[in-house]
């Protein structure tokens, strides 16, 4: 993954209560980054991804936000 940056952390995350309830307490961050993704048919492209992560828990709820052709 390239160009990873933090969008929000701690109380700045709207979904913080749900993340803690589902995955457990942690220092949650909402992050975004650019990555090359491969589809089931074998084609690849570059996309912007958003996800949540916390130390000891890892990346959760990875989402493709937009394709960069």
N, C-alpha and C. Protein backbone atom coordinates (compact mmCIF):
# COMPACT_ATOMS: atom_id res chain seq x y z
N UNK A 1 0.84 -1.17 0.00
CA UNK A 1 0.00 0.00 0.00
C UNK A 1 0.89 1.24 0.00
N UNK A 2 0.50 2.24 -0.77
CA UNK A 2 1.28 3.46 -0.89
C UNK A 2 0.52 4.65 -0.32
N UNK A 3 1.23 5.68 0.04
CA UNK A 3 0.66 6.96 0.46
C UNK A 3 -0.42 6.79 1.54
N UNK A 4 -0.10 6.10 2.61
CA UNK A 4 -1.07 5.89 3.70
C UNK A 4 -1.08 7.13 4.59
N UNK A 5 -2.28 7.61 4.91
CA UNK A 5 -2.40 8.73 5.82
C UNK A 5 -3.61 8.55 6.72
N UNK A 6 -3.56 9.16 7.89
CA UNK A 6 -4.64 9.08 8.86
C UNK A 6 -5.66 10.17 8.55
N UNK A 7 -6.93 9.79 8.46
CA UNK A 7 -8.01 10.74 8.22
C UNK A 7 -8.55 11.25 9.56
N UNK A 8 -8.77 10.33 10.51
CA UNK A 8 -9.32 10.69 11.82
C UNK A 8 -8.81 9.70 12.85
N UNK A 9 -8.82 10.12 14.10
CA UNK A 9 -8.41 9.22 15.17
C UNK A 9 -9.18 9.53 16.44
N UNK A 10 -9.31 8.52 17.28
CA UNK A 10 -10.00 8.70 18.56
C UNK A 10 -11.42 9.19 18.40
N UNK A 11 -11.75 10.24 19.14
CA UNK A 11 -13.12 10.76 19.15
C UNK A 11 -13.54 11.39 17.82
N UNK A 12 -12.61 11.62 16.92
CA UNK A 12 -12.93 12.16 15.61
C UNK A 12 -13.58 11.15 14.67
N UNK A 13 -13.61 9.90 15.07
CA UNK A 13 -14.22 8.84 14.26
C UNK A 13 -15.69 8.73 14.65
N UNK A 14 -16.58 8.88 13.69
CA UNK A 14 -18.02 8.83 13.94
C UNK A 14 -18.47 7.44 14.40
N UNK A 15 -17.80 6.42 13.94
CA UNK A 15 -18.19 5.03 14.21
C UNK A 15 -17.45 4.44 15.41
N UNK A 16 -16.85 5.25 16.26
CA UNK A 16 -15.99 4.75 17.33
C UNK A 16 -16.71 3.81 18.29
N UNK A 17 -17.90 4.14 18.71
CA UNK A 17 -18.64 3.29 19.65
C UNK A 17 -18.91 1.92 19.04
N UNK A 18 -19.30 1.88 17.78
CA UNK A 18 -19.57 0.60 17.10
C UNK A 18 -18.29 -0.21 16.94
N UNK A 19 -17.18 0.43 16.57
CA UNK A 19 -15.91 -0.28 16.42
C UNK A 19 -15.49 -0.92 17.74
N UNK A 20 -15.62 -0.19 18.83
CA UNK A 20 -15.25 -0.73 20.14
C UNK A 20 -16.16 -1.88 20.54
N UNK A 21 -17.45 -1.78 20.23
CA UNK A 21 -18.41 -2.83 20.57
C UNK A 21 -18.14 -4.10 19.76
N UNK A 22 -17.86 -3.95 18.47
CA UNK A 22 -17.69 -5.11 17.58
C UNK A 22 -16.30 -5.73 17.71
N UNK A 23 -15.24 -4.92 17.70
CA UNK A 23 -13.87 -5.44 17.64
C UNK A 23 -13.09 -5.31 18.95
N UNK A 24 -13.57 -4.48 19.87
CA UNK A 24 -12.87 -4.31 21.14
C UNK A 24 -12.21 -2.95 21.26
N UNK A 25 -11.80 -2.61 22.47
CA UNK A 25 -11.18 -1.30 22.68
C UNK A 25 -9.79 -1.25 22.06
N UNK A 26 -9.38 -0.09 21.66
CA UNK A 26 -8.07 0.10 21.06
C UNK A 26 -7.92 1.55 20.66
N UNK A 27 -6.76 1.89 20.18
CA UNK A 27 -6.51 3.25 19.69
C UNK A 27 -6.88 3.28 18.20
N UNK A 28 -8.14 3.55 17.93
CA UNK A 28 -8.69 3.44 16.59
C UNK A 28 -8.30 4.64 15.73
N UNK A 29 -8.01 4.33 14.46
CA UNK A 29 -7.71 5.35 13.46
C UNK A 29 -8.46 5.01 12.19
N UNK A 30 -8.95 6.05 11.51
CA UNK A 30 -9.50 5.86 10.16
C UNK A 30 -8.40 6.29 9.21
N UNK A 31 -8.04 5.39 8.27
CA UNK A 31 -6.91 5.64 7.39
C UNK A 31 -7.32 5.52 5.94
N UNK A 32 -6.51 6.11 5.06
CA UNK A 32 -6.72 5.94 3.62
C UNK A 32 -5.37 5.76 2.96
N UNK A 33 -5.40 5.10 1.80
CA UNK A 33 -4.18 4.85 1.07
C UNK A 33 -4.47 4.44 -0.37
N UNK A 34 -3.43 4.45 -1.17
CA UNK A 34 -3.52 4.08 -2.58
C UNK A 34 -2.91 2.68 -2.73
N UNK A 35 -3.58 1.80 -3.45
CA UNK A 35 -3.08 0.44 -3.64
C UNK A 35 -3.49 -0.11 -5.00
N UNK A 36 -2.72 -1.08 -5.48
CA UNK A 36 -3.11 -1.81 -6.69
C UNK A 36 -3.95 -2.99 -6.23
N UNK A 37 -5.13 -3.13 -6.84
CA UNK A 37 -6.02 -4.22 -6.47
C UNK A 37 -6.25 -5.13 -7.67
N UNK A 38 -6.47 -6.40 -7.40
CA UNK A 38 -6.72 -7.38 -8.47
C UNK A 38 -8.12 -7.94 -8.29
N UNK A 39 -8.89 -7.94 -9.36
CA UNK A 39 -10.25 -8.45 -9.35
C UNK A 39 -10.26 -9.95 -9.62
N UNK A 40 -11.41 -10.57 -9.43
CA UNK A 40 -11.54 -12.02 -9.63
C UNK A 40 -11.20 -12.46 -11.04
N UNK A 41 -11.45 -11.59 -12.03
CA UNK A 41 -11.17 -11.96 -13.42
C UNK A 41 -9.69 -11.76 -13.80
N UNK A 42 -8.86 -11.30 -12.86
CA UNK A 42 -7.43 -11.16 -13.10
C UNK A 42 -6.98 -9.76 -13.47
N UNK A 43 -7.90 -8.85 -13.76
CA UNK A 43 -7.51 -7.49 -14.10
C UNK A 43 -7.10 -6.73 -12.85
N UNK A 44 -6.20 -5.76 -13.04
CA UNK A 44 -5.73 -4.96 -11.91
C UNK A 44 -5.96 -3.48 -12.20
N UNK A 45 -6.08 -2.70 -11.13
CA UNK A 45 -6.15 -1.25 -11.26
C UNK A 45 -5.71 -0.62 -9.95
N UNK A 46 -5.55 0.68 -9.97
CA UNK A 46 -5.16 1.42 -8.78
C UNK A 46 -6.42 2.03 -8.17
N UNK A 47 -6.52 2.00 -6.84
CA UNK A 47 -7.72 2.51 -6.18
C UNK A 47 -7.34 3.17 -4.86
N UNK A 48 -8.22 4.07 -4.42
CA UNK A 48 -8.09 4.66 -3.09
C UNK A 48 -8.93 3.81 -2.14
N UNK A 49 -8.32 3.38 -1.04
CA UNK A 49 -8.98 2.53 -0.06
C UNK A 49 -9.10 3.27 1.26
N UNK A 50 -10.18 3.02 1.99
CA UNK A 50 -10.36 3.54 3.35
C UNK A 50 -10.58 2.35 4.27
N UNK A 51 -10.07 2.44 5.51
CA UNK A 51 -10.25 1.37 6.49
C UNK A 51 -10.05 1.92 7.89
N UNK A 52 -10.43 1.09 8.87
CA UNK A 52 -10.18 1.39 10.28
C UNK A 52 -9.10 0.44 10.76
N UNK A 53 -8.24 0.91 11.67
CA UNK A 53 -7.25 0.01 12.25
C UNK A 53 -6.92 0.44 13.67
N UNK A 54 -6.53 -0.54 14.47
CA UNK A 54 -6.10 -0.30 15.84
C UNK A 54 -4.95 -1.26 16.14
N UNK A 55 -4.03 -0.81 16.96
CA UNK A 55 -2.88 -1.63 17.33
C UNK A 55 -3.36 -2.89 18.05
N UNK A 56 -2.86 -4.04 17.61
CA UNK A 56 -3.23 -5.31 18.20
C UNK A 56 -4.50 -5.91 17.63
N UNK A 57 -5.24 -5.12 16.86
CA UNK A 57 -6.49 -5.61 16.25
C UNK A 57 -6.31 -5.73 14.74
N UNK A 58 -5.66 -4.75 14.13
CA UNK A 58 -5.37 -4.79 12.70
C UNK A 58 -6.36 -3.99 11.88
N UNK A 59 -6.29 -4.17 10.56
CA UNK A 59 -7.16 -3.46 9.63
C UNK A 59 -8.53 -4.11 9.60
N UNK A 60 -9.56 -3.28 9.63
CA UNK A 60 -10.93 -3.78 9.58
C UNK A 60 -11.73 -2.93 8.61
N UNK A 61 -12.70 -3.55 7.97
CA UNK A 61 -13.68 -2.88 7.11
C UNK A 61 -13.03 -2.10 5.96
N UNK A 62 -12.20 -2.78 5.20
CA UNK A 62 -11.56 -2.20 4.03
C UNK A 62 -12.62 -1.88 2.98
N UNK A 63 -12.54 -0.69 2.39
CA UNK A 63 -13.55 -0.25 1.43
C UNK A 63 -12.88 0.47 0.27
N UNK A 64 -13.27 0.13 -0.96
CA UNK A 64 -12.78 0.84 -2.14
C UNK A 64 -13.60 2.11 -2.28
N UNK A 65 -12.94 3.26 -2.23
CA UNK A 65 -13.65 4.54 -2.33
C UNK A 65 -13.71 5.04 -3.78
N UNK A 66 -12.62 4.91 -4.52
CA UNK A 66 -12.64 5.35 -5.92
C UNK A 66 -11.51 4.68 -6.68
N UNK A 67 -11.72 4.54 -7.98
CA UNK A 67 -10.70 3.97 -8.85
C UNK A 67 -9.89 5.10 -9.45
N UNK A 68 -8.58 4.87 -9.58
CA UNK A 68 -7.67 5.83 -10.18
C UNK A 68 -7.16 5.20 -11.46
N UNK A 69 -7.67 5.57 -12.59
CA UNK A 69 -7.29 4.96 -13.85
C UNK A 69 -6.10 5.66 -14.36
